[in-house]
C-alpha atoms as a PDB file:
ATOM      1  CA  MET A   1     -18.781 -11.938  -3.757  1.00  0.00           C
ATOM      2  CA  THR A   2     -17.112 -10.496  -0.665  1.00  0.00           C
ATOM      3  CA  TYR A   3     -16.523  -6.957   0.527  1.00  0.00           C
ATOM      4  CA  LEU A   4     -13.238  -5.237   1.304  1.00  0.00           C
ATOM      5  CA  GLN A   5     -13.254  -2.212   3.561  1.00  0.00           C
ATOM      6  CA  VAL A   6     -10.297   0.179   3.542  1.00  0.00           C
ATOM      7  CA  ARG A   7      -9.736   3.266   5.652  1.00  0.00           C
ATOM      8  CA  LEU A   8      -8.030   6.146   3.890  1.00  0.00           C
ATOM      9  CA  GLU A   9      -7.374   9.743   4.663  1.00  0.00           C
ATOM     10  CA  PRO A  10      -9.889  11.811   2.679  1.00  0.00           C
ATOM     11  CA  ALA A  11      -7.148  13.649   0.741  1.00  0.00           C
ATOM     12  CA  ILE A  12      -5.563  10.376  -0.410  1.00  0.00           C
ATOM     13  CA  LYS A  13      -8.928   9.015  -1.557  1.00  0.00           C
ATOM     14  CA  THR A  14      -9.755  12.218  -3.420  1.00  0.00           C
ATOM     15  CA  GLU A  15      -6.389  12.353  -5.192  1.00  0.00           C
ATOM     16  CA  ALA A  16      -6.559   8.682  -6.137  1.00  0.00           C
ATOM     17  CA  GLU A  17     -10.105   9.068  -7.463  1.00  0.00           C
ATOM     18  CA  MET A  18      -9.013  12.007  -9.621  1.00  0.00           C
ATOM     19  CA  VAL A  19      -6.189   9.970 -11.185  1.00  0.00           C
ATOM     20  CA  LEU A  20      -8.354   6.876 -11.611  1.00  0.00           C
ATOM     21  CA  ASP A  21     -11.084   8.978 -13.217  1.00  0.00           C
ATOM     22  CA  GLN A  22      -8.554  10.178 -15.801  1.00  0.00           C
ATOM     23  CA  LEU A  23      -7.716   6.523 -16.472  1.00  0.00           C
ATOM     24  CA  GLY A  24     -11.395   5.663 -16.810  1.00  0.00           C
ATOM     25  CA  LEU A  25     -11.388   3.448 -13.711  1.00  0.00           C
ATOM     26  CA  SER A  26     -13.513   3.429 -10.593  1.00  0.00           C
ATOM     27  CA  MET A  27     -11.953   2.777  -7.207  1.00  0.00           C
ATOM     28  CA  THR A  28     -13.521  -0.698  -7.219  1.00  0.00           C
ATOM     29  CA  GLN A  29     -12.142  -1.493 -10.677  1.00  0.00           C
ATOM     30  CA  ALA A  30      -8.663  -0.345  -9.619  1.00  0.00           C
ATOM     31  CA  VAL A  31      -8.704  -2.563  -6.525  1.00  0.00           C
ATOM     32  CA  LYS A  32      -9.883  -5.559  -8.575  1.00  0.00           C
ATOM     33  CA  LEU A  33      -7.149  -4.854 -11.121  1.00  0.00           C
ATOM     34  CA  PHE A  34      -4.545  -4.733  -8.356  1.00  0.00           C
ATOM     35  CA  PHE A  35      -5.626  -8.082  -6.885  1.00  0.00           C
ATOM     36  CA  LYS A  36      -5.809  -9.769 -10.305  1.00  0.00           C
ATOM     37  CA  GLN A  37      -2.247  -8.631 -10.991  1.00  0.00           C
ATOM     38  CA  VAL A  38      -1.120  -9.912  -7.573  1.00  0.00           C
ATOM     39  CA  ILE A  39      -2.605 -13.307  -8.416  1.00  0.00           C
ATOM     40  CA  MET A  40      -1.144 -13.414 -11.935  1.00  0.00           C
ATOM     41  CA  ARG A  41       2.341 -12.329 -10.892  1.00  0.00           C
ATOM     42  CA  LYS A  42       2.355 -13.974  -7.462  1.00  0.00           C
ATOM     43  CA  ALA A  43       3.844 -10.683  -6.256  1.00  0.00           C
ATOM     44  CA  ILE A  44       3.053  -7.030  -5.763  1.00  0.00           C
ATOM     45  CA  PRO A  45       2.707  -5.674  -9.323  1.00  0.00           C
ATOM     46  CA  PHE A  46       5.101  -2.774  -8.857  1.00  0.00           C
ATOM     47  CA  SER A  47       8.518  -2.185  -7.365  1.00  0.00           C
ATOM     48  CA  VAL A  48       8.623  -1.596  -3.644  1.00  0.00           C
ATOM     49  CA  ILE A  49      11.717   0.493  -3.069  1.00  0.00           C
ATOM     50  CA  ILE A  50      13.156   2.885  -0.563  1.00  0.00           C
ATOM     51  CA  PRO A  51      13.619   6.129  -2.462  1.00  0.00           C
ATOM     52  CA  GLU A  52      16.790   8.131  -1.981  1.00  0.00           C
ATOM     53  CA  LYS A  53      14.710  11.000  -0.681  1.00  0.00           C
ATOM     54  CA  LYS A  54      13.070   9.800   2.509  1.00  0.00           C
ATOM     55  CA  ARG A  55       9.344  10.067   3.025  1.00  0.00           C
ATOM     56  CA  ALA A  56       8.704  13.615   4.196  1.00  0.00           C
ATOM     57  CA  TYR A  57       5.309  12.719   5.643  1.00  0.00           C
ATOM     58  CA  VAL A  58       6.425  10.182   8.270  1.00  0.00           C
ATOM     59  CA  THR A  59       8.290  10.511  11.529  1.00  0.00           C
ATOM     60  CA  ALA A  60      11.781   9.085  11.999  1.00  0.00           C
ATOM     61  CA  ALA A  61      10.305   6.224  14.052  1.00  0.00           C
ATOM     62  CA  GLU A  62       7.780   5.414  11.314  1.00  0.00           C
ATOM     63  CA  GLU A  63      10.535   5.562   8.692  1.00  0.00           C
ATOM     64  CA  ALA A  64      12.588   3.062  10.713  1.00  0.00           C
ATOM     65  CA  MET A  65       9.583   0.721  10.943  1.00  0.00           C
ATOM     66  CA  ILE A  66       8.988   0.972   7.189  1.00  0.00           C
ATOM     67  CA  GLU A  67      12.636   0.216   6.405  1.00  0.00           C
ATOM     68  CA  GLU A  68      12.644  -2.769   8.772  1.00  0.00           C
ATOM     69  CA  SER A  69       9.468  -4.084   7.146  1.00  0.00           C
ATOM     70  CA  LEU A  70      10.893  -3.722   3.646  1.00  0.00           C
ATOM     71  CA  GLN A  71      14.032  -5.585   4.693  1.00  0.00           C
ATOM     72  CA  GLN A  72      11.908  -8.430   6.075  1.00  0.00           C
ATOM     73  CA  ILE A  73       9.907  -8.564   2.854  1.00  0.00           C
ATOM     74  CA  GLY A  74      13.150  -8.566   0.839  1.00  0.00           C
ATOM     75  CA  GLN A  75      14.357 -11.539   2.877  1.00  0.00           C
ATOM     76  CA  GLY A  76      11.161 -13.398   1.991  1.00  0.00           C
ATOM     77  CA  LYS A  77       9.730 -13.330   5.481  1.00  0.00           C
ATOM     78  CA  ALA A  78       5.972 -13.724   5.545  1.00  0.00           C
ATOM     79  CA  VAL A  79       4.086 -11.027   7.385  1.00  0.00           C
ATOM     80  CA  GLU A  80       0.462 -11.082   8.490  1.00  0.00           C
ATOM     81  CA  ILE A  81      -1.059  -7.610   8.678  1.00  0.00           C
ATOM     82  CA  ASP A  82      -4.250  -6.461  10.382  1.00  0.00           C
ATOM     83  CA  MET A  83      -5.436  -3.845   7.887  1.00  0.00           C
ATOM     84  CA  ASN A  84      -7.710  -2.372  10.582  1.00  0.00           C
ATOM     85  CA  ASP A  85      -4.710  -1.542  12.749  1.00  0.00           C
ATOM     86  CA  GLU A  86      -3.480   1.874  11.581  1.00  0.00           C
ATOM     87  CA  ARG A  87      -0.059   1.352  13.208  1.00  0.00           C
ATOM     88  CA  GLU A  88       0.508  -1.905  11.311  1.00  0.00           C
ATOM     89  CA  VAL A  89      -0.641  -0.339   8.049  1.00  0.00           C
ATOM     90  CA  LYS A  90       1.814   2.532   8.555  1.00  0.00           C
ATOM     91  CA  LYS A  91       4.572   0.091   9.490  1.00  0.00           C
ATOM     92  CA  TYR A  92       4.224  -2.072   6.410  1.00  0.00           C
ATOM     93  CA  PHE A  93       2.925   0.380   3.816  1.00  0.00           C
ATOM     94  CA  GLY A  94       4.079   3.790   5.023  1.00  0.00           C
ATOM     95  CA  VAL A  95       0.578   5.244   4.788  1.00  0.00           C
END
């Protein structure tokens, strides 16, 4: 068994926990479910799209980084991400 540590803004964690609670899942169960689906599908188990309405919570520079990252992913380019680096997390995941 190994441990995964994730940094989240408190509001995001609280909102996610509320939804997961309604689904009868703990945060740990949800993360395990996500990774099992990644393994089974050999892909992220949901669509990663750029919505027509841009992300209201990011700056223009962050939006540009997110769009560039999504284009690279769409072209099949492999990307290694340091999940402890908040800038990289924002760049690749928009959070």
